[in-house]
Amino acid sequence: MKTIILNKPEDFELIETEFPNKPKPHEALVKVRRIGVCGTDIHAFKGRQPFFSFPRILGHELGVEILEVGEEVKHLKAGDRCSVEPYFNKTKDQAVRRGKTNCGEAISVFGVHEDGGMREQFLIDANYLHASAILTFEQLALIEPLAIGFHAVQRAQIQKEDKVLVIGAGPIGLGTAQFAALKSKEVVVMDINKSRLETCKKNLPLKNTLHITESDFDQVEALRKIFEGDLPTVILDATGNPYSMKNTLEIAAHGATIVFIGLYQGNFEFHDPLFHKKELTLMASRNALPADFKNIITLIEQNAIQTDFWVSHYLEFQNLPKQFESLFFGKENVLKAIVKMD
């Protein structure tokens, strides 16, 4: 079968590999229909992805079709369209036993820590598949990136009276803002990328957007103007930028909740007296839970959120090795690229 492998940084190759065997009793054999390209894939391509080894088959944002299921699988059948939950736990450690399957001690992410979905077919434990008879394969490939933002919003426990700031208007921030807007009518998205903010304004029911134009831009003053004298009571930072993450303490309201979604590969400091003075709640958000996948599928099926505007670029599977670098490291303004496997 056709498989794309990343042999080393900047070296994608289209190769032929063996088709999988028949599924074990708890497994499903699936055919890949759509693949979303993630920031993780882009970092891996440049050799900047931590906890990563080569060679590796990438791909964890997937819309798949079930070809066959094992004898113990009763909730799925051949022909079902599914999204893949790509967070596999190898042990029943303390976090997993407590239901936090998104951050188990021995978690292995499909397409990152082990070979993923950039191939025609693969076998998977059927419990990691989430089916929908309504969603398209393209929509199913969007469930995983949407789940990152959904999980962060759940962590923040946003109330309808909260004034919410989402920092970062990339795919994760965009999804975060979508779900935050279901909880509160006071949602603002802030970014340095004007075109991304235009996408937000055009497609999301936001209170406003905030374009940071200069390094000395007075964010506190701008936010007070937008929130009629107040500051955000919930901040969700999807940048992974240490300056932005540190700055959340400065722009948060007293008693606010701050959620870090984006990951920074290093240390950063913040002023503890300010942290205590404001009695801030600071938390991380990692991956997503099985219930998050199910809830997002239901929301899309009910037209509670829209996905039409998400995909900005399409690639044919066989062309990905040649087009990947020019698309993601050229002048294209890529929001989300989908790889077709028809």
C-alpha atoms as a PDB file:
ATOM      1  CA  MET A   1       0.000   0.000   0.000  1.00  0.00           C
ATOM      2  CA  LYS A   2       1.042   3.619  -0.483  1.00  0.00           C
ATOM      3  CA  THR A   3       2.677   5.169   2.581  1.00  0.00           C
ATOM      4  CA  ILE A   4       4.386   8.508   3.172  1.00  0.00           C
ATOM      5  CA  ILE A   5       7.298   8.330   5.584  1.00  0.00           C
ATOM      6  CA  LEU A   6       9.447  11.109   7.038  1.00  0.00           C
ATOM      7  CA  ASN A   7      12.907   9.542   6.899  1.00  0.00           C
ATOM      8  CA  LYS A   8      14.650  12.508   8.519  1.00  0.00           C
ATOM      9  CA  PRO A   9      14.043  16.263   8.734  1.00  0.00           C
ATOM     10  CA  GLU A  10      12.856  17.653   5.382  1.00  0.00           C
ATOM     11  CA  ASP A  11      12.851  14.213   3.751  1.00  0.00           C
ATOM     12  CA  PHE A  12       9.365  12.898   2.965  1.00  0.00           C
ATOM     13  CA  GLU A  13       9.175   9.805   0.749  1.00  0.00           C
ATOM     14  CA  LEU A  14       6.265   7.993  -0.887  1.00  0.00           C
ATOM     15  CA  ILE A  15       6.913   4.268  -0.485  1.00  0.00           C
ATOM     16  CA  GLU A  16       5.140   0.925  -0.784  1.00  0.00           C
ATOM     17  CA  THR A  17       4.487  -1.033   2.418  1.00  0.00           C
ATOM     18  CA  GLU A  18       2.579  -4.199   3.265  1.00  0.00           C
ATOM     19  CA  PHE A  19      -1.167  -4.018   3.848  1.00  0.00           C
ATOM     20  CA  PRO A  20      -2.231  -4.768   7.453  1.00  0.00           C
ATOM     21  CA  ASN A  21      -3.357  -8.197   8.622  1.00  0.00           C
ATOM     22  CA  LYS A  22      -6.915  -8.956   9.652  1.00  0.00           C
ATOM     23  CA  PRO A  23      -8.028  -7.141  12.813  1.00  0.00           C
ATOM     24  CA  LYS A  24      -7.683  -8.757  16.223  1.00  0.00           C
ATOM     25  CA  PRO A  25     -10.913  -9.230  18.229  1.00  0.00           C
ATOM     26  CA  HIS A  26     -10.814  -5.674  19.692  1.00  0.00           C
ATOM     27  CA  GLU A  27      -9.460  -3.937  16.584  1.00  0.00           C
ATOM     28  CA  ALA A  28     -10.761  -2.320  13.417  1.00  0.00           C
ATOM     29  CA  LEU A  29      -9.128  -2.168  10.019  1.00  0.00           C
ATOM     30  CA  VAL A  30      -9.640   1.294   8.542  1.00  0.00           C
ATOM     31  CA  LYS A  31      -9.068   3.027   5.231  1.00  0.00           C
ATOM     32  CA  VAL A  32      -7.747   6.587   5.462  1.00  0.00           C
ATOM     33  CA  ARG A  33      -9.901   9.099   3.585  1.00  0.00           C
ATOM     34  CA  ARG A  34      -8.739  12.502   4.844  1.00  0.00           C
ATOM     35  CA  ILE A  35      -5.677  13.720   6.751  1.00  0.00           C
ATOM     36  CA  GLY A  36      -5.361  17.114   8.404  1.00  0.00           C
ATOM     37  CA  VAL A  37      -1.885  18.624   8.537  1.00  0.00           C
ATOM     38  CA  CYS A  38      -1.063  19.831  12.046  1.00  0.00           C
ATOM     39  CA  GLY A  39       1.557  22.147  13.510  1.00  0.00           C
ATOM     40  CA  THR A  40       3.092  19.031  15.046  1.00  0.00           C
ATOM     41  CA  ASP A  41       3.657  17.633  11.545  1.00  0.00           C
ATOM     42  CA  ILE A  42       5.269  20.896  10.450  1.00  0.00           C
ATOM     43  CA  HIS A  43       7.624  20.941  13.457  1.00  0.00           C
ATOM     44  CA  ALA A  44       8.491  17.282  12.853  1.00  0.00           C
ATOM     45  CA  PHE A  45       9.319  18.039   9.213  1.00  0.00           C
ATOM     46  CA  LYS A  46      11.882  20.610  10.357  1.00  0.00           C
ATOM     47  CA  GLY A  47      13.240  18.357  13.117  1.00  0.00           C
ATOM     48  CA  ARG A  48      11.904  20.558  15.893  1.00  0.00           C
ATOM     49  CA  GLN A  49       9.405  18.154  17.474  1.00  0.00           C
ATOM     50  CA  PRO A  50      10.430  16.922  20.960  1.00  0.00           C
ATOM     51  CA  PHE A  51      10.075  13.259  21.976  1.00  0.00           C
ATOM     52  CA  PHE A  52      10.222  12.330  18.304  1.00  0.00           C
ATOM     53  CA  SER A  53      12.327   9.822  16.383  1.00  0.00           C
ATOM     54  CA  PHE A  54      12.961   9.092  12.706  1.00  0.00           C
ATOM     55  CA  PRO A  55      11.841   7.507  10.484  1.00  0.00           C
ATOM     56  CA  ARG A  56       8.185   8.199  11.262  1.00  0.00           C
ATOM     57  CA  ILE A  57       4.808   8.004   9.518  1.00  0.00           C
ATOM     58  CA  LEU A  58       2.997  11.214  10.476  1.00  0.00           C
ATOM     59  CA  GLY A  59      -0.729  11.944  10.561  1.00  0.00           C
ATOM     60  CA  HIS A  60      -3.071  12.105  13.555  1.00  0.00           C
ATOM     61  CA  GLU A  61      -5.956  14.303  12.317  1.00  0.00           C
ATOM     62  CA  LEU A  62      -7.905  11.656  10.457  1.00  0.00           C
ATOM     63  CA  GLY A  63     -11.203  10.879   8.799  1.00  0.00           C
ATOM     64  CA  VAL A  64     -11.372   7.131   8.148  1.00  0.00           C
ATOM     65  CA  GLU A  65     -13.715   4.436   6.856  1.00  0.00           C
ATOM     66  CA  ILE A  66     -13.999   1.086   8.618  1.00  0.00           C
ATOM     67  CA  LEU A  67     -13.247  -1.867   6.342  1.00  0.00           C
ATOM     68  CA  GLU A  68     -13.524  -4.672   8.908  1.00  0.00           C
ATOM     69  CA  VAL A  69     -13.939  -5.090  12.664  1.00  0.00           C
ATOM     70  CA  GLY A  70     -12.813  -7.808  15.067  1.00  0.00           C
ATOM     71  CA  GLU A  71     -15.297 -10.229  16.576  1.00  0.00           C
ATOM     72  CA  GLU A  72     -15.497  -8.400  19.929  1.00  0.00           C
ATOM     73  CA  VAL A  73     -16.343  -5.012  18.376  1.00  0.00           C
ATOM     74  CA  LYS A  74     -20.107  -4.481  18.605  1.00  0.00           C
ATOM     75  CA  HIS A  75     -20.488  -0.670  18.455  1.00  0.00           C
ATOM     76  CA  LEU A  76     -18.983  -0.245  14.970  1.00  0.00           C
ATOM     77  CA  LYS A  77     -19.320  -1.942  11.605  1.00  0.00           C
ATOM     78  CA  ALA A  78     -17.784  -1.965   8.137  1.00  0.00           C
ATOM     79  CA  GLY A  79     -18.664   1.195   6.230  1.00  0.00           C
ATOM     80  CA  ASP A  80     -18.830   3.471   9.288  1.00  0.00           C
ATOM     81  CA  ARG A  81     -17.169   6.883   8.944  1.00  0.00           C
ATOM     82  CA  CYS A  82     -15.034   7.773  11.961  1.00  0.00           C
ATOM     83  CA  SER A  83     -12.727  10.273  13.572  1.00  0.00           C
ATOM     84  CA  VAL A  84      -9.627   8.916  15.281  1.00  0.00           C
ATOM     85  CA  GLU A  85      -8.796   9.723  18.899  1.00  0.00           C
ATOM     86  CA  PRO A  86      -4.988   9.492  18.628  1.00  0.00           C
ATOM     87  CA  TYR A  87      -3.976   9.355  22.305  1.00  0.00           C
ATOM     88  CA  PHE A  88      -3.066   5.792  23.216  1.00  0.00           C
ATOM     89  CA  ASN A  89      -2.320   4.842  26.824  1.00  0.00           C
ATOM     90  CA  LYS A  90       0.068   1.942  27.262  1.00  0.00           C
ATOM     91  CA  THR A  91      -0.546   1.507  30.996  1.00  0.00           C
ATOM     92  CA  LYS A  92      -3.371   1.888  33.514  1.00  0.00           C
ATOM     93  CA  ASP A  93      -1.445   4.498  35.485  1.00  0.00           C
ATOM     94  CA  GLN A  94      -2.889   6.868  38.080  1.00  0.00           C
ATOM     95  CA  ALA A  95      -4.040   9.514  35.588  1.00  0.00           C
ATOM     96  CA  VAL A  96      -5.726   6.927  33.363  1.00  0.00           C
ATOM     97  CA  ARG A  97      -7.456   5.330  36.346  1.00  0.00           C
ATOM     98  CA  ARG A  98      -8.817   8.780  37.243  1.00  0.00           C
ATOM     99  CA  GLY A  99     -10.225   9.214  33.736  1.00  0.00           C
ATOM    100  CA  LYS A 100      -7.528  11.625  32.534  1.00  0.00           C
ATOM    101  CA  THR A 101      -6.665   9.594  29.464  1.00  0.00           C
ATOM    102  CA  ASN A 102      -5.425  12.747  27.735  1.00  0.00           C
ATOM    103  CA  CYS A 103      -2.319  12.949  29.925  1.00  0.00           C
ATOM    104  CA  GLY A 104      -1.368   9.440  30.997  1.00  0.00           C
ATOM    105  CA  GLU A 105       2.199   8.826  32.123  1.00  0.00           C
ATOM    106  CA  ALA A 106       2.870   6.452  29.220  1.00  0.00           C
ATOM    107  CA  ILE A 107       0.725   8.171  26.595  1.00  0.00           C
ATOM    108  CA  SER A 108       1.665   7.580  22.972  1.00  0.00           C
ATOM    109  CA  VAL A 109       0.289   9.921  20.333  1.00  0.00           C
ATOM    110  CA  PHE A 110      -0.485   8.313  16.981  1.00  0.00           C
ATOM    111  CA  GLY A 111       1.641   9.918  14.275  1.00  0.00           C
ATOM    112  CA  VAL A 112       4.040  11.435  16.812  1.00  0.00           C
ATOM    113  CA  HIS A 113       5.400   8.810  19.203  1.00  0.00           C
ATOM    114  CA  GLU A 114       4.378   5.942  16.928  1.00  0.00           C
ATOM    115  CA  ASP A 115       3.563   5.604  13.233  1.00  0.00           C
ATOM    116  CA  GLY A 116       0.378   7.393  12.225  1.00  0.00           C
ATOM    117  CA  GLY A 117      -2.123   7.747   9.430  1.00  0.00           C
ATOM    118  CA  MET A 118      -0.237   8.872   6.309  1.00  0.00           C
ATOM    119  CA  ARG A 119      -0.904   5.510   4.675  1.00  0.00           C
ATOM    120  CA  GLU A 120      -3.785   3.805   2.938  1.00  0.00           C
ATOM    121  CA  GLN A 121      -4.852   1.522   5.798  1.00  0.00           C
ATOM    122  CA  PHE A 122      -4.018   0.706   9.404  1.00  0.00           C
ATOM    123  CA  LEU A 123      -5.251  -1.312  12.371  1.00  0.00           C
ATOM    124  CA  ILE A 124      -6.458   0.418  15.531  1.00  0.00           C
ATOM    125  CA  ASP A 125      -8.147  -0.448  18.820  1.00  0.00           C
ATOM    126  CA  ALA A 126     -11.812   0.191  17.999  1.00  0.00           C
ATOM    127  CA  ASN A 127     -12.328   2.141  21.229  1.00  0.00           C
ATOM    128  CA  TYR A 128     -10.336   5.005  19.706  1.00  0.00           C
ATOM    129  CA  LEU A 129     -12.801   5.451  16.836  1.00  0.00           C
ATOM    130  CA  HIS A 130     -15.732   7.881  16.997  1.00  0.00           C
ATOM    131  CA  ALA A 131     -18.383   7.337  14.328  1.00  0.00           C
ATOM    132  CA  SER A 132     -20.867   9.663  12.657  1.00  0.00           C
ATOM    133  CA  ALA A 133     -23.410   8.822   9.982  1.00  0.00           C
ATOM    134  CA  ILE A 134     -23.763  12.532   9.163  1.00  0.00           C
ATOM    135  CA  LEU A 135     -20.307  14.107   9.128  1.00  0.00           C
ATOM    136  CA  THR A 136     -18.096  14.024   6.040  1.00  0.00           C
ATOM    137  CA  PHE A 137     -14.599  12.545   6.125  1.00  0.00           C
ATOM    138  CA  GLU A 138     -13.261  16.102   5.981  1.00  0.00           C
ATOM    139  CA  GLN A 139     -15.251  17.120   9.048  1.00  0.00           C
ATOM    140  CA  LEU A 140     -14.147  13.976  10.861  1.00  0.00           C
ATOM    141  CA  ALA A 141     -10.507  14.899  10.201  1.00  0.00           C
ATOM    142  CA  LEU A 142     -11.174  18.240  11.909  1.00  0.00           C
ATOM    143  CA  ILE A 143     -12.494  16.700  15.137  1.00  0.00           C
ATOM    144  CA  GLU A 144      -9.065  16.203  16.730  1.00  0.00           C
ATOM    145  CA  PRO A 145      -7.828  19.815  16.341  1.00  0.00           C
ATOM    146  CA  LEU A 146     -11.252  21.054  17.418  1.00  0.00           C
ATOM    147  CA  ALA A 147     -11.050  18.780  20.460  1.00  0.00           C
ATOM    148  CA  ILE A 148      -7.924  20.575  21.696  1.00  0.00           C
ATOM    149  CA  GLY A 149      -9.831  23.838  21.996  1.00  0.00           C
ATOM    150  CA  PHE A 150     -12.979  22.177  23.312  1.00  0.00           C
ATOM    151  CA  HIS A 151     -11.019  20.530  26.114  1.00  0.00           C
ATOM    152  CA  ALA A 152      -9.396  23.842  27.078  1.00  0.00           C
ATOM    153  CA  VAL A 153     -12.795  25.536  27.255  1.00  0.00           C
ATOM    154  CA  GLN A 154     -14.082  22.724  29.455  1.00  0.00           C
ATOM    155  CA  ARG A 155     -11.059  23.159  31.717  1.00  0.00           C
ATOM    156  CA  ALA A 156     -11.755  26.886  32.035  1.00  0.00           C
ATOM    157  CA  GLN A 157     -15.369  26.301  33.143  1.00  0.00           C
ATOM    158  CA  ILE A 158     -16.524  29.434  31.333  1.00  0.00           C
ATOM    159  CA  GLN A 159     -19.734  31.015  32.612  1.00  0.00           C
ATOM    160  CA  LYS A 160     -22.078  33.173  30.548  1.00  0.00           C
ATOM    161  CA  GLU A 161     -21.023  36.327  32.418  1.00  0.00           C
ATOM    162  CA  ASP A 162     -17.291  35.726  31.823  1.00  0.00           C
ATOM    163  CA  LYS A 163     -15.256  38.077  29.667  1.00  0.00           C
ATOM    164  CA  VAL A 164     -13.096  35.738  27.615  1.00  0.00           C
ATOM    165  CA  LEU A 165      -9.848  36.437  25.775  1.00  0.00           C
ATOM    166  CA  VAL A 166      -8.408  33.880  23.342  1.00  0.00           C
ATOM    167  CA  ILE A 167      -4.802  34.639  22.400  1.00  0.00           C
ATOM    168  CA  GLY A 168      -3.699  33.188  19.068  1.00  0.00           C
ATOM    169  CA  ALA A 169      -5.906  32.883  15.988  1.00  0.00           C
ATOM    170  CA  GLY A 170      -4.322  29.786  14.473  1.00  0.00           C
ATOM    171  CA  PRO A 171      -6.305  26.554  14.129  1.00  0.00           C
ATOM    172  CA  ILE A 172      -6.225  25.747  17.855  1.00  0.00           C
ATOM    173  CA  GLY A 173      -7.143  29.283  18.884  1.00  0.00           C
ATOM    174  CA  LEU A 174      -9.877  29.381  16.279  1.00  0.00           C
ATOM    175  CA  GLY A 175     -11.449  26.207  17.638  1.00  0.00           C
ATOM    176  CA  THR A 176     -11.075  27.473  21.188  1.00  0.00           C
ATOM    177  CA  ALA A 177     -12.892  30.692  20.296  1.00  0.00           C
ATOM    178  CA  GLN A 178     -15.678  28.733  18.592  1.00  0.00           C
ATOM    179  CA  PHE A 179     -16.450  26.762  21.728  1.00  0.00           C
ATOM    180  CA  ALA A 180     -15.908  29.693  24.090  1.00  0.00           C
ATOM    181  CA  ALA A 181     -18.532  31.613  22.100  1.00  0.00           C
ATOM    182  CA  LEU A 182     -21.055  28.891  22.949  1.00  0.00           C
ATOM    183  CA  LYS A 183     -20.503  29.678  26.637  1.00  0.00           C
ATOM    184  CA  SER A 184     -20.243  33.488  26.649  1.00  0.00           C
ATOM    185  CA  LYS A 185     -21.157  36.381  24.366  1.00  0.00           C
ATOM    186  CA  GLU A 186     -18.108  38.296  25.597  1.00  0.00           C
ATOM    187  CA  VAL A 187     -15.339  36.568  23.592  1.00  0.00           C
ATOM    188  CA  VAL A 188     -12.406  38.466  22.081  1.00  0.00           C
ATOM    189  CA  VAL A 189      -9.597  36.982  19.962  1.00  0.00           C
ATOM    190  CA  MET A 190      -6.162  38.656  19.965  1.00  0.00           C
ATOM    191  CA  ASP A 191      -3.346  38.063  17.469  1.00  0.00           C
ATOM    192  CA  ILE A 192      -0.620  39.752  15.419  1.00  0.00           C
ATOM    193  CA  ASN A 193      -1.927  38.188  12.186  1.00  0.00           C
ATOM    194  CA  LYS A 194      -4.565  40.472  10.706  1.00  0.00           C
ATOM    195  CA  SER A 195      -5.816  38.001   8.089  1.00  0.00           C
ATOM    196  CA  ARG A 196      -6.416  35.348  10.760  1.00  0.00           C
ATOM    197  CA  LEU A 197      -8.425  37.875  12.765  1.00  0.00           C
ATOM    198  CA  GLU A 198     -10.473  38.686   9.662  1.00  0.00           C
ATOM    199  CA  THR A 199     -11.321  34.976   9.409  1.00  0.00           C
ATOM    200  CA  CYS A 200     -12.452  35.055  13.041  1.00  0.00           C
ATOM    201  CA  LYS A 201     -14.607  38.152  12.571  1.00  0.00           C
ATOM    202  CA  LYS A 202     -16.201  36.760   9.440  1.00  0.00           C
ATOM    203  CA  ASN A 203     -17.076  33.333  10.815  1.00  0.00           C
ATOM    204  CA  LEU A 204     -17.412  33.485  14.606  1.00  0.00           C
ATOM    205  CA  PRO A 205     -19.938  35.270  16.862  1.00  0.00           C
ATOM    206  CA  LEU A 206     -17.292  37.305  18.699  1.00  0.00           C
ATOM    207  CA  LYS A 207     -17.580  40.484  20.705  1.00  0.00           C
ATOM    208  CA  ASN A 208     -14.474  41.790  18.935  1.00  0.00           C
ATOM    209  CA  THR A 209     -10.936  41.041  17.783  1.00  0.00           C
ATOM    210  CA  LEU A 210      -7.743  42.775  18.842  1.00  0.00           C
ATOM    211  CA  HIS A 211      -4.851  43.227  16.426  1.00  0.00           C
ATOM    212  CA  ILE A 212      -1.486  43.706  18.139  1.00  0.00           C
ATOM    213  CA  THR A 213       0.416  46.080  15.882  1.00  0.00           C
ATOM    214  CA  GLU A 214       3.546  46.974  17.882  1.00  0.00           C
ATOM    215  CA  SER A 215       5.721  45.460  20.609  1.00  0.00           C
ATOM    216  CA  ASP A 216       4.776  48.269  23.003  1.00  0.00           C
ATOM    217  CA  PHE A 217       1.054  47.968  22.233  1.00  0.00           C
ATOM    218  CA  ASP A 218      -0.915  48.726  25.415  1.00  0.00           C
ATOM    219  CA  GLN A 219      -2.984  45.565  25.726  1.00  0.00           C
ATOM    220  CA  VAL A 220      -4.520  46.488  29.077  1.00  0.00           C
ATOM    221  CA  GLU A 221      -5.869  49.778  27.751  1.00  0.00           C
ATOM    222  CA  ALA A 222      -7.166  48.141  24.562  1.00  0.00           C
ATOM    223  CA  LEU A 223      -8.895  45.352  26.481  1.00  0.00           C
ATOM    224  CA  ARG A 224     -10.499  47.755  28.949  1.00  0.00           C
ATOM    225  CA  LYS A 225     -11.882  49.673  25.988  1.00  0.00           C
ATOM    226  CA  ILE A 226     -13.378  46.527  24.451  1.00  0.00           C
ATOM    227  CA  PHE A 227     -14.746  45.174  27.745  1.00  0.00           C
ATOM    228  CA  GLU A 228     -16.200  48.540  28.854  1.00  0.00           C
ATOM    229  CA  GLY A 229     -13.617  49.154  31.568  1.00  0.00           C
ATOM    230  CA  ASP A 230     -13.100  45.534  32.610  1.00  0.00           C
ATOM    231  CA  LEU A 231     -10.382  42.968  31.926  1.00  0.00           C
ATOM    232  CA  PRO A 232     -10.808  39.318  30.881  1.00  0.00           C
ATOM    233  CA  THR A 233     -11.902  36.891  33.583  1.00  0.00           C
ATOM    234  CA  VAL A 234     -10.838  33.919  31.444  1.00  0.00           C
ATOM    235  CA  ILE A 235      -7.744  33.869  29.220  1.00  0.00           C
ATOM    236  CA  LEU A 236      -6.960  30.943  26.928  1.00  0.00           C
ATOM    237  CA  ASP A 237      -3.475  31.232  25.422  1.00  0.00           C
ATOM    238  CA  ALA A 238      -2.938  29.116  22.304  1.00  0.00           C
ATOM    239  CA  THR A 239       0.363  30.674  21.221  1.00  0.00           C
ATOM    240  CA  GLY A 240       3.071  28.648  22.953  1.00  0.00           C
ATOM    241  CA  ASN A 241       4.956  31.959  23.060  1.00  0.00           C
ATOM    242  CA  PRO A 242       6.692  32.634  26.407  1.00  0.00           C
ATOM    243  CA  TYR A 243       6.186  36.414  26.228  1.00  0.00           C
ATOM    244  CA  SER A 244       2.485  35.995  25.541  1.00  0.00           C
ATOM    245  CA  MET A 245       2.094  33.384  28.281  1.00  0.00           C
ATOM    246  CA  LYS A 246       3.908  35.515  30.852  1.00  0.00           C
ATOM    247  CA  ASN A 247       1.936  38.585  29.811  1.00  0.00           C
ATOM    248  CA  THR A 248      -1.395  36.910  30.586  1.00  0.00           C
ATOM    249  CA  LEU A 249      -0.828  37.727  34.263  1.00  0.00           C
ATOM    250  CA  GLU A 250      -0.598  41.426  33.416  1.00  0.00           C
ATOM    251  CA  ILE A 251      -3.794  41.584  31.379  1.00  0.00           C
ATOM    252  CA  ALA A 252      -5.987  39.258  33.467  1.00  0.00           C
ATOM    253  CA  ALA A 253      -8.669  40.544  35.801  1.00  0.00           C
ATOM    254  CA  HIS A 254      -8.308  39.930  39.521  1.00  0.00           C
ATOM    255  CA  GLY A 255      -9.648  36.449  40.260  1.00  0.00           C
ATOM    256  CA  ALA A 256      -9.281  35.357  36.623  1.00  0.00           C
ATOM    257  CA  THR A 257      -8.559  31.903  35.208  1.00  0.00           C
ATOM    258  CA  ILE A 258      -5.685  31.420  32.751  1.00  0.00           C
ATOM    259  CA  VAL A 259      -5.362  28.287  30.597  1.00  0.00           C
ATOM    260  CA  PHE A 260      -2.182  27.540  28.650  1.00  0.00           C
ATOM    261  CA  ILE A 261      -3.012  25.473  25.554  1.00  0.00           C
ATOM    262  CA  GLY A 262       0.081  26.161  23.469  1.00  0.00           C
ATOM    263  CA  LEU A 263       3.262  24.472  24.667  1.00  0.00           C
ATOM    264  CA  TYR A 264       6.565  26.318  25.108  1.00  0.00           C
ATOM    265  CA  GLN A 265       9.679  24.105  25.077  1.00  0.00           C
ATOM    266  CA  GLY A 266      11.493  25.815  27.919  1.00  0.00           C
ATOM    267  CA  ASN A 267      11.226  27.698  31.187  1.00  0.00           C
ATOM    268  CA  PHE A 268       9.744  31.100  31.855  1.00  0.00           C
ATOM    269  CA  GLU A 269       9.287  33.181  34.978  1.00  0.00           C
ATOM    270  CA  PHE A 270       6.442  35.331  36.241  1.00  0.00           C
ATOM    271  CA  HIS A 271       6.099  37.838  39.066  1.00  0.00           C
ATOM    272  CA  ASP A 272       4.726  35.895  42.033  1.00  0.00           C
ATOM    273  CA  PRO A 273       3.426  38.928  43.991  1.00  0.00           C
ATOM    274  CA  LEU A 274       1.230  39.837  41.002  1.00  0.00           C
ATOM    275  CA  PHE A 275       0.042  36.231  40.710  1.00  0.00           C
ATOM    276  CA  HIS A 276      -0.953  36.203  44.388  1.00  0.00           C
ATOM    277  CA  LYS A 277      -2.316  39.752  44.395  1.00  0.00           C
ATOM    278  CA  LYS A 278      -4.774  38.836  41.663  1.00  0.00           C
ATOM    279  CA  GLU A 279      -5.473  35.356  43.104  1.00  0.00           C
ATOM    280  CA  LEU A 280      -5.217  33.878  39.632  1.00  0.00           C
ATOM    281  CA  THR A 281      -5.990  30.295  38.672  1.00  0.00           C
ATOM    282  CA  LEU A 282      -3.380  28.952  36.252  1.00  0.00           C
ATOM    283  CA  MET A 283      -3.787  25.621  34.489  1.00  0.00           C
ATOM    284  CA  ALA A 284      -2.549  23.655  31.507  1.00  0.00           C
ATOM    285  CA  SER A 285      -4.670  21.923  28.883  1.00  0.00           C
ATOM    286  CA  ARG A 286      -3.335  18.908  27.006  1.00  0.00           C
ATOM    287  CA  ASN A 287      -4.914  16.855  24.230  1.00  0.00           C
ATOM    288  CA  ALA A 288      -8.576  15.887  24.767  1.00  0.00           C
ATOM    289  CA  LEU A 289     -10.839  13.274  26.332  1.00  0.00           C
ATOM    290  CA  PRO A 290     -13.076  10.691  24.624  1.00  0.00           C
ATOM    291  CA  ALA A 291     -16.140  12.678  25.707  1.00  0.00           C
ATOM    292  CA  ASP A 292     -14.725  15.757  23.968  1.00  0.00           C
ATOM    293  CA  PHE A 293     -14.699  13.918  20.623  1.00  0.00           C
ATOM    294  CA  LYS A 294     -18.257  12.698  21.112  1.00  0.00           C
ATOM    295  CA  ASN A 295     -19.518  16.142  22.129  1.00  0.00           C
ATOM    296  CA  ILE A 296     -17.934  17.895  19.152  1.00  0.00           C
ATOM    297  CA  ILE A 297     -19.410  15.390  16.701  1.00  0.00           C
ATOM    298  CA  THR A 298     -22.836  16.040  18.222  1.00  0.00           C
ATOM    299  CA  LEU A 299     -22.387  19.829  18.041  1.00  0.00           C
ATOM    300  CA  ILE A 300     -21.476  19.670  14.342  1.00  0.00           C
ATOM    301  CA  GLU A 301     -24.343  17.271  13.607  1.00  0.00           C
ATOM    302  CA  GLN A 302     -26.706  19.759  15.272  1.00  0.00           C
ATOM    303  CA  ASN A 303     -25.199  22.706  13.325  1.00  0.00           C
ATOM    304  CA  ALA A 304     -24.200  24.352  16.607  1.00  0.00           C
ATOM    305  CA  ILE A 305     -20.769  25.075  15.128  1.00  0.00           C
ATOM    306  CA  GLN A 306     -19.689  25.463  11.516  1.00  0.00           C
ATOM    307  CA  THR A 307     -16.644  23.923   9.830  1.00  0.00           C
ATOM    308  CA  ASP A 308     -16.950  25.254   6.265  1.00  0.00           C
ATOM    309  CA  PHE A 309     -14.372  28.015   6.726  1.00  0.00           C
ATOM    310  CA  TRP A 310     -11.710  25.874   8.369  1.00  0.00           C
ATOM    311  CA  VAL A 311      -9.996  24.363   5.332  1.00  0.00           C
ATOM    312  CA  SER A 312      -7.902  26.775   3.275  1.00  0.00           C
ATOM    313  CA  HIS A 313      -5.839  24.320   1.193  1.00  0.00           C
ATOM    314  CA  TYR A 314      -6.103  20.803  -0.229  1.00  0.00           C
ATOM    315  CA  LEU A 315      -3.376  18.345  -1.197  1.00  0.00           C
ATOM    316  CA  GLU A 316      -3.466  15.047  -3.037  1.00  0.00           C
ATOM    317  CA  PHE A 317      -1.768  12.298  -1.044  1.00  0.00           C
ATOM    318  CA  GLN A 318       0.792  11.383  -3.685  1.00  0.00           C
ATOM    319  CA  ASN A 319       1.807  15.040  -4.114  1.00  0.00           C
ATOM    320  CA  LEU A 320       2.443  15.769  -0.435  1.00  0.00           C
ATOM    321  CA  PRO A 321       6.200  14.956  -0.407  1.00  0.00           C
ATOM    322  CA  LYS A 322       6.867  17.447  -3.211  1.00  0.00           C
ATOM    323  CA  GLN A 323       4.461  20.181  -2.120  1.00  0.00           C
ATOM    324  CA  PHE A 324       4.782  20.137   1.677  1.00  0.00           C
ATOM    325  CA  GLU A 325       7.709  22.529   2.113  1.00  0.00           C
ATOM    326  CA  SER A 326       6.595  25.096  -0.466  1.00  0.00           C
ATOM    327  CA  LEU A 327       3.077  25.161   0.977  1.00  0.00           C
ATOM    328  CA  PHE A 328       3.911  25.462   4.668  1.00  0.00           C
ATOM    329  CA  PHE A 329       7.166  27.396   4.467  1.00  0.00           C
ATOM    330  CA  GLY A 330       6.393  29.587   1.471  1.00  0.00           C
ATOM    331  CA  LYS A 331       4.185  32.643   1.176  1.00  0.00           C
ATOM    332  CA  GLU A 332       0.868  30.811   1.394  1.00  0.00           C
ATOM    333  CA  ASN A 333      -1.373  31.814   4.304  1.00  0.00           C
ATOM    334  CA  VAL A 334      -2.404  28.316   5.381  1.00  0.00           C
ATOM    335  CA  LEU A 335      -5.088  27.987   8.026  1.00  0.00           C
ATOM    336  CA  LYS A 336      -5.736  24.249   7.664  1.00  0.00           C
ATOM    337  CA  ALA A 337      -4.621  21.924   4.872  1.00  0.00           C
ATOM    338  CA  ILE A 338      -6.413  18.649   4.200  1.00  0.00           C
ATOM    339  CA  VAL A 339      -4.827  15.731   2.366  1.00  0.00           C
ATOM    340  CA  LYS A 340      -7.226  13.777   0.145  1.00  0.00           C
ATOM    341  CA  MET A 341      -6.961   9.990  -0.119  1.00  0.00           C
ATOM    342  CA  ASP A 342      -9.662   9.256  -2.737  1.00  0.00           C
END
